[in-house]
Amino acid sequence: MNITVYLGACESNDPSLKKAVRELGEWIGQSGNTLIYGGSKSGLMGEIAESALISGGKVTGVEPQFFIDKGFQYDGLTKLIITKDMSERKTKMIELGDAFIAFPGGTGTLEEIAEVMSKVSLKQLDAPCILYNLNGYYDSLKMLLEHMKAKGLSSDKRQENIYFVRNLEEIIHIIN
């Protein structure tokens, strides 16, 4: 299975994120699944790629040319797909994925997982959309989705296959 993970290329000031992202990468690598991610060597992106590779996994990076030009790509990936821009990257990562995980990240992570949530809610994508709500990171987004339902702008049916999880065990349960 190809597991697309969205996450930041920044270093977090929260050490629990680094530990959790390495555990996620190790599980992906050891389970025989393939990690699909943004292709960067820095921050949490670099951590997940390294941990998946060290664990014997396959890792496909999807990196826009302008990041390649700046030298941000992780060398030594199983496969590196170069896109012309961020829009093409987003499309390719969705096309490759069988399951989608948003690890805590920044505005790019939010944009990417929002598109996946939209496609899942419109039944254009039949795959789990998992928000890794580590230490309550996505609590505000969860409340917003509940607010949408309360206002009649969304529904339980629309939000099927969108999951907020607290740990790796819950991710494994959903994916398996």
N, C-alpha and C. Protein backbone atom coordinates (compact mmCIF):
# COMPACT_ATOMS: atom_id res chain seq x y z
N MET A 1 0.84 -1.17 0.00
CA MET A 1 0.00 0.00 0.00
C MET A 1 0.89 1.25 0.00
N ASN A 2 0.50 2.24 -0.77
CA ASN A 2 1.19 3.53 -0.77
C ASN A 2 0.53 4.44 0.26
N ILE A 3 1.30 4.87 1.23
CA ILE A 3 0.78 5.75 2.28
C ILE A 3 1.38 7.13 2.08
N THR A 4 0.51 8.07 1.70
CA THR A 4 0.94 9.44 1.50
C THR A 4 0.88 10.16 2.84
N VAL A 5 2.02 10.74 3.22
CA VAL A 5 2.09 11.48 4.48
C VAL A 5 2.45 12.93 4.17
N TYR A 6 1.63 13.82 4.69
CA TYR A 6 1.87 15.26 4.57
C TYR A 6 2.44 15.73 5.90
N LEU A 7 3.52 16.49 5.83
CA LEU A 7 4.15 16.99 7.05
C LEU A 7 5.13 18.08 6.69
N GLY A 8 5.63 18.77 7.71
CA GLY A 8 6.48 19.93 7.49
C GLY A 8 7.94 19.62 7.20
N ALA A 9 8.56 20.53 6.48
CA ALA A 9 9.99 20.46 6.23
C ALA A 9 10.75 21.26 7.29
N CYS A 10 10.03 21.74 8.30
CA CYS A 10 10.66 22.49 9.39
C CYS A 10 10.95 21.56 10.56
N GLU A 11 11.91 21.96 11.36
CA GLU A 11 12.16 21.27 12.62
C GLU A 11 11.12 21.79 13.61
N SER A 12 10.55 20.91 14.37
CA SER A 12 9.60 21.33 15.39
C SER A 12 10.33 21.61 16.69
N ASN A 13 9.76 22.48 17.50
CA ASN A 13 10.33 22.71 18.83
C ASN A 13 9.72 21.75 19.86
N ASP A 14 8.93 20.80 19.38
CA ASP A 14 8.31 19.79 20.23
C ASP A 14 8.98 18.44 19.96
N PRO A 15 9.81 17.94 20.89
CA PRO A 15 10.53 16.69 20.66
C PRO A 15 9.62 15.48 20.46
N SER A 16 8.39 15.53 20.95
CA SER A 16 7.48 14.39 20.77
C SER A 16 7.10 14.20 19.30
N LEU A 17 7.14 15.27 18.51
CA LEU A 17 6.82 15.15 17.09
C LEU A 17 7.89 14.36 16.36
N LYS A 18 9.15 14.65 16.65
CA LYS A 18 10.25 13.93 16.00
C LYS A 18 10.17 12.44 16.35
N LYS A 19 9.92 12.14 17.60
CA LYS A 19 9.82 10.74 18.04
C LYS A 19 8.66 10.04 17.32
N ALA A 20 7.50 10.68 17.28
CA ALA A 20 6.31 10.09 16.67
C ALA A 20 6.46 9.93 15.16
N VAL A 21 7.09 10.89 14.49
CA VAL A 21 7.24 10.79 13.04
C VAL A 21 8.23 9.68 12.68
N ARG A 22 9.24 9.49 13.51
CA ARG A 22 10.19 8.39 13.28
C ARG A 22 9.50 7.04 13.49
N GLU A 23 8.64 6.95 14.49
CA GLU A 23 7.88 5.71 14.71
C GLU A 23 6.96 5.42 13.53
N LEU A 24 6.32 6.45 12.99
CA LEU A 24 5.45 6.28 11.82
C LEU A 24 6.27 5.80 10.63
N GLY A 25 7.42 6.42 10.39
CA GLY A 25 8.28 6.01 9.28
C GLY A 25 8.78 4.58 9.45
N GLU A 26 9.15 4.22 10.66
CA GLU A 26 9.61 2.85 10.93
C GLU A 26 8.49 1.85 10.64
N TRP A 27 7.28 2.16 11.10
CA TRP A 27 6.16 1.25 10.85
C TRP A 27 5.91 1.09 9.35
N ILE A 28 5.91 2.20 8.62
CA ILE A 28 5.69 2.13 7.17
C ILE A 28 6.76 1.25 6.54
N GLY A 29 8.01 1.47 6.92
CA GLY A 29 9.11 0.68 6.36
C GLY A 29 9.03 -0.79 6.71
N GLN A 30 8.74 -1.09 7.96
CA GLN A 30 8.71 -2.49 8.41
C GLN A 30 7.47 -3.24 7.93
N SER A 31 6.39 -2.53 7.64
CA SER A 31 5.14 -3.18 7.28
C SER A 31 5.05 -3.55 5.80
N GLY A 32 6.05 -3.16 5.03
CA GLY A 32 6.03 -3.46 3.60
C GLY A 32 5.26 -2.46 2.77
N ASN A 33 4.78 -1.40 3.42
CA ASN A 33 4.11 -0.33 2.69
C ASN A 33 5.16 0.62 2.12
N THR A 34 4.74 1.50 1.23
CA THR A 34 5.62 2.50 0.64
C THR A 34 5.21 3.88 1.13
N LEU A 35 6.18 4.66 1.55
CA LEU A 35 5.95 6.05 1.95
C LEU A 35 5.97 6.94 0.71
N ILE A 36 4.93 7.73 0.56
CA ILE A 36 4.88 8.79 -0.45
C ILE A 36 4.89 10.09 0.36
N TYR A 37 5.83 10.98 0.06
CA TYR A 37 5.91 12.24 0.81
C TYR A 37 6.52 13.31 -0.07
N GLY A 38 6.70 14.49 0.47
CA GLY A 38 7.12 15.65 -0.30
C GLY A 38 8.54 15.69 -0.81
N GLY A 39 9.40 14.75 -0.40
CA GLY A 39 10.73 14.62 -0.99
C GLY A 39 11.85 15.39 -0.34
N SER A 40 11.57 16.17 0.69
CA SER A 40 12.61 17.00 1.30
C SER A 40 13.48 16.23 2.28
N LYS A 41 14.70 16.73 2.45
CA LYS A 41 15.63 16.13 3.42
C LYS A 41 15.56 16.84 4.77
N SER A 42 14.88 17.95 4.84
CA SER A 42 14.91 18.75 6.07
C SER A 42 13.69 18.51 6.95
N GLY A 43 13.85 18.87 8.21
CA GLY A 43 12.76 18.84 9.17
C GLY A 43 12.13 17.48 9.36
N LEU A 44 10.84 17.49 9.64
CA LEU A 44 10.10 16.26 9.87
C LEU A 44 10.05 15.39 8.61
N MET A 45 10.07 16.04 7.45
CA MET A 45 10.10 15.28 6.19
C MET A 45 11.34 14.39 6.12
N GLY A 46 12.48 14.95 6.44
CA GLY A 46 13.71 14.17 6.42
C GLY A 46 13.69 13.04 7.42
N GLU A 47 13.09 13.30 8.58
CA GLU A 47 13.01 12.28 9.64
C GLU A 47 12.17 11.09 9.20
N ILE A 48 11.02 11.34 8.59
CA ILE A 48 10.16 10.21 8.20
C ILE A 48 10.80 9.40 7.08
N ALA A 49 11.42 10.10 6.12
CA ALA A 49 12.07 9.39 5.02
C ALA A 49 13.22 8.52 5.53
N GLU A 50 14.06 9.10 6.37
CA GLU A 50 15.20 8.35 6.90
C GLU A 50 14.75 7.13 7.70
N SER A 51 13.76 7.32 8.57
CA SER A 51 13.31 6.20 9.41
C SER A 51 12.66 5.09 8.57
N ALA A 52 11.93 5.46 7.52
CA ALA A 52 11.32 4.44 6.65
C ALA A 52 12.40 3.69 5.88
N LEU A 53 13.38 4.41 5.36
CA LEU A 53 14.46 3.76 4.61
C LEU A 53 15.30 2.85 5.49
N ILE A 54 15.67 3.32 6.67
CA ILE A 54 16.48 2.52 7.60
C ILE A 54 15.74 1.24 7.98
N SER A 55 14.41 1.31 8.01
CA SER A 55 13.58 0.15 8.39
C SER A 55 13.32 -0.79 7.22
N GLY A 56 13.96 -0.53 6.09
CA GLY A 56 13.83 -1.41 4.94
C GLY A 56 12.69 -1.07 4.01
N GLY A 57 12.10 0.10 4.19
CA GLY A 57 10.96 0.48 3.37
C GLY A 57 11.34 1.17 2.08
N LYS A 58 10.34 1.31 1.23
CA LYS A 58 10.48 2.06 -0.01
C LYS A 58 9.91 3.45 0.23
N VAL A 59 10.60 4.45 -0.34
CA VAL A 59 10.18 5.83 -0.15
C VAL A 59 10.20 6.55 -1.49
N THR A 60 9.06 7.12 -1.85
CA THR A 60 8.94 7.94 -3.05
C THR A 60 8.74 9.38 -2.63
N GLY A 61 9.63 10.24 -3.08
CA GLY A 61 9.50 11.68 -2.85
C GLY A 61 8.92 12.35 -4.07
N VAL A 62 8.07 13.35 -3.83
CA VAL A 62 7.48 14.12 -4.92
C VAL A 62 7.84 15.58 -4.65
N GLU A 63 8.78 16.09 -5.45
CA GLU A 63 9.40 17.39 -5.15
C GLU A 63 9.29 18.33 -6.36
N PRO A 64 8.82 19.55 -6.14
CA PRO A 64 8.80 20.52 -7.25
C PRO A 64 10.22 20.94 -7.65
N GLN A 65 10.38 21.27 -8.90
CA GLN A 65 11.69 21.64 -9.43
C GLN A 65 12.34 22.78 -8.65
N PHE A 66 11.56 23.76 -8.22
CA PHE A 66 12.18 24.89 -7.52
C PHE A 66 12.80 24.49 -6.19
N PHE A 67 12.29 23.41 -5.55
CA PHE A 67 12.94 22.90 -4.34
C PHE A 67 14.20 22.11 -4.71
N ILE A 68 14.18 21.41 -5.83
CA ILE A 68 15.36 20.70 -6.31
C ILE A 68 16.47 21.72 -6.58
N ASP A 69 16.10 22.84 -7.23
CA ASP A 69 17.07 23.89 -7.54
C ASP A 69 17.74 24.44 -6.28
N LYS A 70 17.02 24.41 -5.16
CA LYS A 70 17.57 24.90 -3.88
C LYS A 70 18.27 23.79 -3.09
N GLY A 71 18.27 22.56 -3.63
CA GLY A 71 18.97 21.46 -2.99
C GLY A 71 18.26 20.85 -1.81
N PHE A 72 16.94 20.95 -1.76
CA PHE A 72 16.18 20.44 -0.61
C PHE A 72 15.85 18.95 -0.69
N GLN A 73 16.05 18.32 -1.86
CA GLN A 73 15.64 16.92 -2.01
C GLN A 73 16.49 15.99 -1.14
N TYR A 74 15.85 14.91 -0.75
CA TYR A 74 16.50 13.85 0.03
C TYR A 74 17.16 12.91 -0.97
N ASP A 75 18.47 12.85 -0.98
CA ASP A 75 19.19 11.94 -1.87
C ASP A 75 19.12 10.53 -1.30
N GLY A 76 18.98 9.54 -2.15
CA GLY A 76 18.96 8.17 -1.69
C GLY A 76 17.56 7.60 -1.53
N LEU A 77 16.55 8.30 -2.01
CA LEU A 77 15.19 7.77 -1.96
C LEU A 77 15.06 6.62 -2.96
N THR A 78 14.08 5.78 -2.76
CA THR A 78 13.79 4.71 -3.71
C THR A 78 13.45 5.31 -5.06
N LYS A 79 12.67 6.40 -5.01
CA LYS A 79 12.25 7.07 -6.24
C LYS A 79 12.00 8.55 -5.93
N LEU A 80 12.43 9.42 -6.84
CA LEU A 80 12.15 10.85 -6.72
C LEU A 80 11.42 11.30 -7.97
N ILE A 81 10.23 11.83 -7.79
CA ILE A 81 9.44 12.36 -8.89
C ILE A 81 9.53 13.88 -8.82
N ILE A 82 9.95 14.49 -9.91
CA ILE A 82 10.10 15.95 -9.95
C ILE A 82 8.90 16.53 -10.70
N THR A 83 8.25 17.51 -10.04
CA THR A 83 7.08 18.17 -10.63
C THR A 83 7.44 19.60 -10.99
N LYS A 84 6.60 20.21 -11.83
CA LYS A 84 6.89 21.59 -12.25
C LYS A 84 6.52 22.60 -11.16
N ASP A 85 5.54 22.26 -10.30
CA ASP A 85 5.12 23.19 -9.26
C ASP A 85 4.38 22.46 -8.14
N MET A 86 3.90 23.21 -7.17
CA MET A 86 3.22 22.62 -6.01
C MET A 86 1.88 21.98 -6.40
N SER A 87 1.16 22.57 -7.34
CA SER A 87 -0.12 21.99 -7.77
C SER A 87 0.07 20.61 -8.38
N GLU A 88 1.07 20.48 -9.23
CA GLU A 88 1.35 19.19 -9.84
C GLU A 88 1.81 18.19 -8.77
N ARG A 89 2.58 18.68 -7.80
CA ARG A 89 3.02 17.81 -6.70
C ARG A 89 1.81 17.26 -5.94
N LYS A 90 0.88 18.16 -5.59
CA LYS A 90 -0.31 17.74 -4.85
C LYS A 90 -1.10 16.69 -5.61
N THR A 91 -1.30 16.92 -6.89
CA THR A 91 -2.03 15.98 -7.73
C THR A 91 -1.33 14.63 -7.77
N LYS A 92 -0.02 14.62 -7.93
CA LYS A 92 0.74 13.38 -8.02
C LYS A 92 0.69 12.61 -6.71
N MET A 93 0.80 13.31 -5.59
CA MET A 93 0.78 12.63 -4.28
C MET A 93 -0.59 11.99 -4.02
N ILE A 94 -1.65 12.64 -4.47
CA ILE A 94 -2.99 12.06 -4.33
C ILE A 94 -3.12 10.86 -5.27
N GLU A 95 -2.65 11.02 -6.49
CA GLU A 95 -2.73 9.94 -7.48
C GLU A 95 -2.00 8.68 -6.99
N LEU A 96 -0.89 8.85 -6.32
CA LEU A 96 -0.08 7.71 -5.86
C LEU A 96 -0.62 7.06 -4.59
N GLY A 97 -1.38 7.80 -3.78
CA GLY A 97 -1.75 7.32 -2.45
C GLY A 97 -2.92 6.37 -2.40
N ASP A 98 -2.83 5.43 -1.45
CA ASP A 98 -3.93 4.54 -1.12
C ASP A 98 -4.53 4.90 0.24
N ALA A 99 -3.76 5.62 1.04
CA ALA A 99 -4.19 6.13 2.35
C ALA A 99 -3.43 7.43 2.56
N PHE A 100 -4.02 8.35 3.31
CA PHE A 100 -3.45 9.69 3.47
C PHE A 100 -3.39 10.06 4.94
N ILE A 101 -2.23 10.56 5.36
CA ILE A 101 -2.03 10.96 6.75
C ILE A 101 -1.50 12.38 6.78
N ALA A 102 -2.14 13.23 7.58
CA ALA A 102 -1.60 14.56 7.85
C ALA A 102 -0.95 14.51 9.22
N PHE A 103 0.37 14.51 9.24
CA PHE A 103 1.11 14.64 10.49
C PHE A 103 1.08 16.13 10.83
N PRO A 104 1.29 16.52 12.09
CA PRO A 104 1.36 17.95 12.39
C PRO A 104 2.34 18.67 11.46
N GLY A 105 1.87 19.75 10.89
CA GLY A 105 2.68 20.52 9.94
C GLY A 105 2.17 21.94 9.86
N GLY A 106 2.62 22.64 8.83
CA GLY A 106 2.27 24.04 8.66
C GLY A 106 1.17 24.25 7.63
N THR A 107 1.21 25.42 7.01
CA THR A 107 0.15 25.78 6.06
C THR A 107 0.14 24.89 4.83
N GLY A 108 1.31 24.43 4.39
CA GLY A 108 1.36 23.52 3.24
C GLY A 108 0.67 22.21 3.55
N THR A 109 0.93 21.68 4.74
CA THR A 109 0.29 20.44 5.18
C THR A 109 -1.22 20.62 5.22
N LEU A 110 -1.66 21.74 5.77
CA LEU A 110 -3.08 22.03 5.87
C LEU A 110 -3.73 22.10 4.48
N GLU A 111 -3.07 22.78 3.55
CA GLU A 111 -3.61 22.88 2.20
C GLU A 111 -3.73 21.51 1.55
N GLU A 112 -2.69 20.69 1.69
CA GLU A 112 -2.68 19.38 1.05
C GLU A 112 -3.76 18.47 1.62
N ILE A 113 -3.88 18.42 2.93
CA ILE A 113 -4.87 17.51 3.52
C ILE A 113 -6.30 18.05 3.31
N ALA A 114 -6.45 19.36 3.19
CA ALA A 114 -7.78 19.92 2.91
C ALA A 114 -8.29 19.43 1.56
N GLU A 115 -7.41 19.35 0.58
CA GLU A 115 -7.84 18.84 -0.73
C GLU A 115 -8.23 17.37 -0.64
N VAL A 116 -7.46 16.59 0.13
CA VAL A 116 -7.80 15.18 0.30
C VAL A 116 -9.15 15.06 1.02
N MET A 117 -9.36 15.85 2.08
CA MET A 117 -10.65 15.81 2.79
C MET A 117 -11.80 16.13 1.85
N SER A 118 -11.62 17.11 1.00
CA SER A 118 -12.66 17.50 0.05
C SER A 118 -12.96 16.36 -0.92
N LYS A 119 -11.93 15.74 -1.47
CA LYS A 119 -12.13 14.64 -2.41
C LYS A 119 -12.78 13.44 -1.73
N VAL A 120 -12.41 13.17 -0.48
CA VAL A 120 -13.02 12.07 0.27
C VAL A 120 -14.50 12.38 0.53
N SER A 121 -14.79 13.62 0.93
CA SER A 121 -16.18 13.97 1.25
C SER A 121 -17.08 13.96 0.02
N LEU A 122 -16.50 14.24 -1.15
CA LEU A 122 -17.26 14.22 -2.40
C LEU A 122 -17.27 12.84 -3.06
N LYS A 123 -16.66 11.86 -2.37
CA LYS A 123 -16.58 10.48 -2.85
C LYS A 123 -15.81 10.38 -4.16
N GLN A 124 -14.90 11.32 -4.39
CA GLN A 124 -14.00 11.25 -5.54
C GLN A 124 -12.73 10.48 -5.20
N LEU A 125 -12.59 10.16 -3.94
CA LEU A 125 -11.42 9.43 -3.46
C LEU A 125 -11.90 8.46 -2.39
N ASP A 126 -11.68 7.19 -2.62
CA ASP A 126 -12.10 6.16 -1.68
C ASP A 126 -10.87 5.68 -0.91
N ALA A 127 -10.50 6.44 0.09
CA ALA A 127 -9.30 6.14 0.87
C ALA A 127 -9.44 6.81 2.23
N PRO A 128 -8.79 6.23 3.25
CA PRO A 128 -8.84 6.90 4.55
C PRO A 128 -8.02 8.19 4.55
N CYS A 129 -8.58 9.21 5.15
CA CYS A 129 -7.94 10.50 5.34
C CYS A 129 -7.74 10.65 6.85
N ILE A 130 -6.50 10.53 7.29
CA ILE A 130 -6.19 10.46 8.71
C ILE A 130 -5.45 11.71 9.16
N LEU A 131 -6.00 12.38 10.14
CA LEU A 131 -5.30 13.51 10.75
C LEU A 131 -4.69 13.03 12.05
N TYR A 132 -3.37 13.02 12.09
CA TYR A 132 -2.64 12.54 13.27
C TYR A 132 -2.69 13.64 14.30
N ASN A 133 -3.65 13.53 15.20
CA ASN A 133 -3.96 14.57 16.18
C ASN A 133 -3.09 14.42 17.43
N LEU A 134 -1.80 14.31 17.21
CA LEU A 134 -0.83 14.12 18.28
C LEU A 134 -0.88 15.30 19.25
N ASN A 135 -1.07 15.00 20.51
CA ASN A 135 -1.13 16.02 21.57
C ASN A 135 -2.18 17.10 21.27
N GLY A 136 -3.26 16.72 20.57
CA GLY A 136 -4.34 17.66 20.28
C GLY A 136 -4.03 18.66 19.17
N TYR A 137 -3.03 18.36 18.36
CA TYR A 137 -2.60 19.32 17.32
C TYR A 137 -3.75 19.75 16.41
N TYR A 138 -4.62 18.83 16.02
CA TYR A 138 -5.70 19.13 15.09
C TYR A 138 -7.06 19.30 15.78
N ASP A 139 -7.08 19.55 17.09
CA ASP A 139 -8.34 19.74 17.80
C ASP A 139 -9.19 20.86 17.21
N SER A 140 -8.55 21.98 16.85
CA SER A 140 -9.30 23.12 16.29
C SER A 140 -9.94 22.77 14.95
N LEU A 141 -9.23 22.00 14.13
CA LEU A 141 -9.78 21.58 12.85
C LEU A 141 -10.95 20.62 13.07
N LYS A 142 -10.80 19.73 14.04
CA LYS A 142 -11.88 18.80 14.37
C LYS A 142 -13.13 19.58 14.81
N MET A 143 -12.93 20.60 15.63
CA MET A 143 -14.06 21.43 16.08
C MET A 143 -14.69 22.16 14.90
N LEU A 144 -13.89 22.62 13.94
CA LEU A 144 -14.42 23.29 12.77
C LEU A 144 -15.29 22.34 11.94
N LEU A 145 -14.84 21.11 11.76
CA LEU A 145 -15.64 20.14 11.01
C LEU A 145 -16.96 19.83 11.73
N GLU A 146 -16.92 19.75 13.05
CA GLU A 146 -18.15 19.56 13.82
C GLU A 146 -19.07 20.77 13.67
N HIS A 147 -18.50 21.96 13.66
CA HIS A 147 -19.26 23.21 13.49
C HIS A 147 -19.95 23.22 12.11
N MET A 148 -19.23 22.75 11.09
CA MET A 148 -19.82 22.67 9.75
C MET A 148 -21.06 21.78 9.76
N LYS A 149 -20.98 20.65 10.47
CA LYS A 149 -22.13 19.75 10.56
C LYS A 149 -23.26 20.42 11.33
N ALA A 150 -22.94 21.10 12.42
CA ALA A 150 -23.97 21.75 13.23
C ALA A 150 -24.71 22.83 12.44
N LYS A 151 -24.03 23.47 11.50
CA LYS A 151 -24.64 24.52 10.69
C LYS A 151 -25.29 23.97 9.42
N GLY A 152 -25.27 22.64 9.25
CA GLY A 152 -25.89 22.03 8.09
C GLY A 152 -25.08 22.17 6.81
N LEU A 153 -23.81 22.49 6.94
CA LEU A 153 -22.95 22.67 5.77
C LEU A 153 -22.10 21.44 5.46
N SER A 154 -22.19 20.46 6.31
CA SER A 154 -21.53 19.18 6.12
C SER A 154 -22.37 18.14 6.87
N SER A 155 -21.95 16.89 6.81
CA SER A 155 -22.71 15.84 7.49
C SER A 155 -21.78 14.69 7.85
N ASP A 156 -22.32 13.78 8.69
CA ASP A 156 -21.54 12.59 9.02
C ASP A 156 -21.19 11.82 7.75
N LYS A 157 -22.14 11.71 6.83
CA LYS A 157 -21.90 10.99 5.58
C LYS A 157 -20.79 11.65 4.77
N ARG A 158 -20.78 12.97 4.71
CA ARG A 158 -19.72 13.70 3.98
C ARG A 158 -18.36 13.51 4.63
N GLN A 159 -18.37 13.32 5.93
CA GLN A 159 -17.10 13.22 6.65
C GLN A 159 -16.68 11.77 6.94
N GLU A 160 -17.39 10.82 6.30
CA GLU A 160 -16.95 9.42 6.40
C GLU A 160 -15.53 9.32 5.86
N ASN A 161 -14.75 8.47 6.44
CA ASN A 161 -13.35 8.23 6.05
C ASN A 161 -12.41 9.38 6.39
N ILE A 162 -12.88 10.33 7.19
CA ILE A 162 -11.99 11.36 7.74
C ILE A 162 -11.85 11.04 9.23
N TYR A 163 -10.62 10.75 9.64
CA TYR A 163 -10.37 10.27 10.99
C TYR A 163 -9.38 11.19 11.72
N PHE A 164 -9.64 11.41 12.98
CA PHE A 164 -8.70 12.09 13.86
C PHE A 164 -8.18 11.04 14.84
N VAL A 165 -6.88 10.81 14.83
CA VAL A 165 -6.30 9.76 15.66
C VAL A 165 -5.23 10.36 16.58
N ARG A 166 -5.02 9.67 17.71
CA ARG A 166 -4.07 10.18 18.71
C ARG A 166 -2.72 9.48 18.69
N ASN A 167 -2.66 8.31 18.02
CA ASN A 167 -1.40 7.56 18.09
C ASN A 167 -1.27 6.62 16.89
N LEU A 168 -0.10 6.02 16.80
CA LEU A 168 0.21 5.12 15.69
C LEU A 168 -0.69 3.89 15.68
N GLU A 169 -1.04 3.37 16.85
CA GLU A 169 -1.90 2.19 16.92
C GLU A 169 -3.24 2.44 16.23
N GLU A 170 -3.79 3.61 16.40
CA GLU A 170 -5.07 3.94 15.74
C GLU A 170 -4.89 4.04 14.24
N ILE A 171 -3.75 4.56 13.77
CA ILE A 171 -3.46 4.62 12.33
C ILE A 171 -3.40 3.21 11.76
N ILE A 172 -2.66 2.34 12.44
CA ILE A 172 -2.51 0.96 11.99
C ILE A 172 -3.87 0.28 11.91
N HIS A 173 -4.72 0.49 12.90
CA HIS A 173 -6.06 -0.11 12.92
C HIS A 173 -6.88 0.35 11.70
N ILE A 174 -6.82 1.63 11.37
CA ILE A 174 -7.59 2.15 10.24
C ILE A 174 -7.05 1.62 8.91
N ILE A 175 -5.74 1.61 8.76
CA ILE A 175 -5.13 1.20 7.50
C ILE A 175 -5.23 -0.30 7.27
N ASN A 176 -5.09 -1.06 8.34
CA ASN A 176 -5.17 -2.52 8.19
C ASN A 176 -6.62 -2.94 8.22
